[in-house]
Amino acid sequence: MYTNVSALFGPVCDFAMAPIARQANYWKLPVLTTGAMAAEFGTHKKDIYSYLTRVGPNLNSFSTFLLDLIVNHFHWRKVKLVYQPKGQHYIVDKFCHLITEALHNHFNENDIIHDYYKIMEMDQFYDQMPHELGNFAIILLCVNNGSLRDIMIEAAKLNFNNGEYVFFNANLFDG
């Protein structure tokens, strides 16, 4: 490594950034990125990732916003998280996993009653929808756009569009 390096820029990918940011902390070398969206980078900002500066969107801010909306504005206390592990992979690999993990941790810290369902096969999920979603009025989804459409059609067939249920989809990057 060059001895006259003053800062590192990038990478954007969370999984590539993690080891680089940990090493940068050891080297006391600032790292600037538009990536590193995972909540872990914010949660451990003061110790493991103290030399990392994130200038793009991050899941800590999204989780805080959603928690404020759910708890302070609407006074909801019970939420179901539903996600596809590879949903919205065009944003970042495992994006829906990362966002669900961030929300899960944030909800735990704030005593929000929640559960999650990982969609492995859509047909299996449709069969389990009444059981999985029936006890939750607030459903936060992180799925691909095509799956979202199909889920909402199935929800309508099950009368989940009767005003008792609220569906949110974490689609942060499609205009």
Protein backbone atom coordinates (compact mmCIF):
# COMPACT_ATOMS: atom_id res chain seq x y z
CA MET A 1 0.00 0.00 0.00
CA TYR A 2 1.18 3.50 -0.75
CA THR A 3 2.34 5.43 2.29
CA ASN A 4 0.92 8.76 1.11
CA VAL A 5 -2.74 7.69 0.92
CA SER A 6 -4.98 10.26 2.60
CA ALA A 7 -8.41 8.66 2.11
CA LEU A 8 -10.24 5.81 0.42
CA PHE A 9 -13.33 6.20 -1.79
CA GLY A 10 -15.84 3.35 -2.13
CA PRO A 11 -16.71 0.59 -2.57
CA VAL A 12 -20.48 0.83 -2.73
CA CYS A 13 -21.28 -2.82 -1.97
CA ASP A 14 -21.93 -3.44 1.74
CA PHE A 15 -20.23 -6.82 1.71
CA ALA A 16 -17.07 -5.42 0.10
CA MET A 17 -17.11 -2.34 2.34
CA ALA A 18 -17.19 -4.17 5.67
CA PRO A 19 -13.62 -5.56 5.66
CA ILE A 20 -12.22 -2.41 4.05
CA ALA A 21 -13.85 -0.16 6.66
CA ARG A 22 -12.58 -2.37 9.49
CA GLN A 23 -9.03 -2.18 8.09
CA ALA A 24 -9.35 1.58 7.55
CA ASN A 25 -10.15 1.92 11.24
CA TYR A 26 -6.92 0.08 12.04
CA TRP A 27 -4.97 2.28 9.59
CA LYS A 28 -6.75 5.44 10.83
CA LEU A 29 -7.62 6.19 7.22
CA PRO A 30 -10.93 7.90 6.30
CA VAL A 31 -13.27 6.04 3.94
CA LEU A 32 -15.99 7.85 1.99
CA THR A 33 -18.75 5.91 0.24
CA THR A 34 -22.21 6.32 -1.24
CA GLY A 35 -22.86 2.70 -0.25
CA ALA A 36 -22.61 0.90 3.09
CA MET A 37 -26.38 1.04 3.56
CA ALA A 38 -26.57 -1.80 6.12
CA ALA A 39 -27.57 -0.79 9.63
CA GLU A 40 -24.43 -2.40 11.06
CA PHE A 41 -22.29 0.46 9.72
CA GLY A 42 -24.32 2.97 11.73
CA THR A 43 -24.77 0.79 14.80
CA HIS A 44 -21.00 0.37 15.20
CA LYS A 45 -20.02 3.86 13.99
CA LYS A 46 -18.17 4.75 17.19
CA ASP A 47 -16.02 1.63 17.42
CA ILE A 48 -15.60 -0.67 14.39
CA TYR A 49 -16.43 1.82 11.61
CA SER A 50 -15.27 5.11 13.12
CA TYR A 51 -13.38 6.19 9.98
CA LEU A 52 -16.28 5.45 7.62
CA THR A 53 -18.43 8.28 6.24
CA ARG A 54 -21.62 7.30 4.42
CA VAL A 55 -22.94 9.99 2.08
CA GLY A 56 -25.76 7.97 0.50
CA PRO A 57 -29.01 6.56 1.85
CA ASN A 58 -28.71 4.17 4.75
CA LEU A 59 -30.98 1.74 6.52
CA ASN A 60 -30.50 3.32 9.95
CA SER A 61 -32.25 6.47 8.75
CA PHE A 62 -34.95 4.47 6.97
CA SER A 63 -35.61 2.39 10.12
CA THR A 64 -35.80 5.51 12.28
CA PHE A 65 -38.21 7.15 9.83
CA LEU A 66 -40.44 4.08 9.65
CA LEU A 67 -40.41 3.64 13.43
CA ASP A 68 -41.41 7.28 13.88
CA LEU A 69 -44.21 6.89 11.33
CA ILE A 70 -45.51 3.65 12.82
CA VAL A 71 -45.24 4.50 16.52
CA ASN A 72 -45.42 8.26 16.92
CA HIS A 73 -47.73 9.19 14.06
CA PHE A 74 -50.09 6.22 13.81
CA HIS A 75 -49.51 4.66 17.26
CA TRP A 76 -49.18 1.14 15.84
CA ARG A 77 -47.31 -1.39 18.00
CA LYS A 78 -47.54 -4.68 16.06
CA VAL A 79 -45.90 -5.25 12.65
CA LYS A 80 -45.28 -8.18 10.30
CA LEU A 81 -42.12 -8.07 8.14
CA VAL A 82 -42.35 -10.07 4.90
CA TYR A 83 -39.40 -10.29 2.54
CA GLN A 84 -37.78 -12.17 -0.31
CA PRO A 85 -34.11 -12.89 0.50
CA LYS A 86 -33.08 -11.89 -3.03
CA GLY A 87 -35.78 -9.26 -3.48
CA GLN A 88 -34.69 -6.01 -5.12
CA HIS A 89 -31.23 -7.49 -5.72
CA TYR A 90 -30.64 -4.91 -8.47
CA ILE A 91 -30.13 -2.29 -5.74
CA VAL A 92 -27.66 -4.23 -3.64
CA ASP A 93 -27.15 -7.95 -3.18
CA LYS A 94 -29.48 -9.19 -0.41
CA PHE A 95 -31.11 -5.74 -0.10
CA CYS A 96 -34.36 -7.09 1.36
CA HIS A 97 -32.45 -9.18 3.87
CA LEU A 98 -30.47 -6.11 4.97
CA ILE A 99 -33.54 -3.90 5.29
CA THR A 100 -35.48 -6.56 7.21
CA GLU A 101 -32.54 -7.05 9.56
CA ALA A 102 -32.30 -3.30 10.18
CA LEU A 103 -36.03 -3.04 10.92
CA HIS A 104 -35.98 -6.14 13.12
CA ASN A 105 -33.14 -4.71 15.24
CA HIS A 106 -34.71 -1.26 15.43
CA PHE A 107 -38.09 -2.71 16.43
CA ASN A 108 -36.43 -4.87 19.11
CA GLU A 109 -34.73 -1.81 20.59
CA ASN A 110 -38.07 0.01 20.76
CA ASP A 111 -40.33 -2.80 21.99
CA ILE A 112 -42.38 -3.06 18.81
CA ILE A 113 -44.16 -6.41 18.58
CA HIS A 114 -43.12 -7.92 15.29
CA ASP A 115 -42.58 -11.12 13.42
CA TYR A 116 -41.09 -11.87 10.02
CA TYR A 117 -41.71 -14.24 7.15
CA LYS A 118 -39.03 -15.07 4.61
CA ILE A 119 -40.63 -15.91 1.24
CA MET A 120 -38.79 -18.83 -0.30
CA GLU A 121 -41.56 -19.86 -2.72
CA MET A 122 -44.45 -17.59 -3.67
CA ASP A 123 -47.06 -20.39 -3.95
CA GLN A 124 -46.23 -21.56 -0.45
CA PHE A 125 -46.56 -18.00 0.84
CA TYR A 126 -49.98 -17.56 -0.79
CA ASP A 127 -51.19 -20.71 0.99
CA GLN A 128 -49.89 -19.39 4.31
CA MET A 129 -51.03 -15.76 3.94
CA PRO A 130 -54.16 -16.04 6.12
CA HIS A 131 -52.16 -17.62 8.94
CA GLU A 132 -49.02 -15.48 8.58
CA LEU A 133 -50.68 -12.09 8.05
CA GLY A 134 -54.06 -12.56 9.73
CA ASN A 135 -52.90 -11.47 13.20
CA PHE A 136 -51.09 -8.36 11.98
CA ALA A 137 -52.77 -5.20 10.71
CA ILE A 138 -49.47 -3.65 9.53
CA ILE A 139 -47.47 -5.55 6.94
CA LEU A 140 -44.08 -4.26 5.75
CA LEU A 141 -42.99 -5.91 2.51
CA CYS A 142 -39.65 -6.01 0.76
CA VAL A 143 -40.19 -7.90 -2.47
CA ASN A 144 -39.67 -7.55 -6.20
CA ASN A 145 -42.21 -5.45 -8.07
CA GLY A 146 -43.78 -8.46 -9.81
CA SER A 147 -44.15 -10.28 -6.50
CA LEU A 148 -45.66 -7.18 -4.91
CA ARG A 149 -48.38 -7.10 -7.55
CA ASP A 150 -49.13 -10.80 -7.06
CA ILE A 151 -49.19 -10.48 -3.26
CA MET A 152 -51.63 -7.58 -3.42
CA ILE A 153 -53.91 -9.49 -5.83
CA GLU A 154 -53.88 -12.47 -3.46
CA ALA A 155 -54.48 -10.15 -0.49
CA ALA A 156 -57.55 -8.74 -2.25
CA LYS A 157 -58.87 -12.28 -2.85
CA LEU A 158 -58.51 -12.92 0.89
CA ASN A 159 -60.34 -9.65 1.69
CA PHE A 160 -57.17 -8.08 3.16
CA ASN A 161 -58.12 -4.85 1.37
CA ASN A 162 -61.11 -4.25 3.64
CA GLY A 163 -59.52 -1.38 5.57
CA GLU A 164 -58.22 -3.50 8.46
CA TYR A 165 -54.77 -4.06 6.93
CA VAL A 166 -52.05 -1.66 5.82
CA PHE A 167 -49.35 -2.82 3.40
CA PHE A 168 -46.07 -0.94 2.94
CA ASN A 169 -43.42 -1.95 0.42
CA ALA A 170 -39.82 -0.92 1.01
CA ASN A 171 -39.06 0.15 -2.54
CA LEU A 172 -36.65 3.01 -2.00
CA PHE A 173 -35.09 3.36 -5.42
CA ASP A 174 -37.78 3.06 -8.11
CA GLY A 175 -39.09 6.55 -8.86
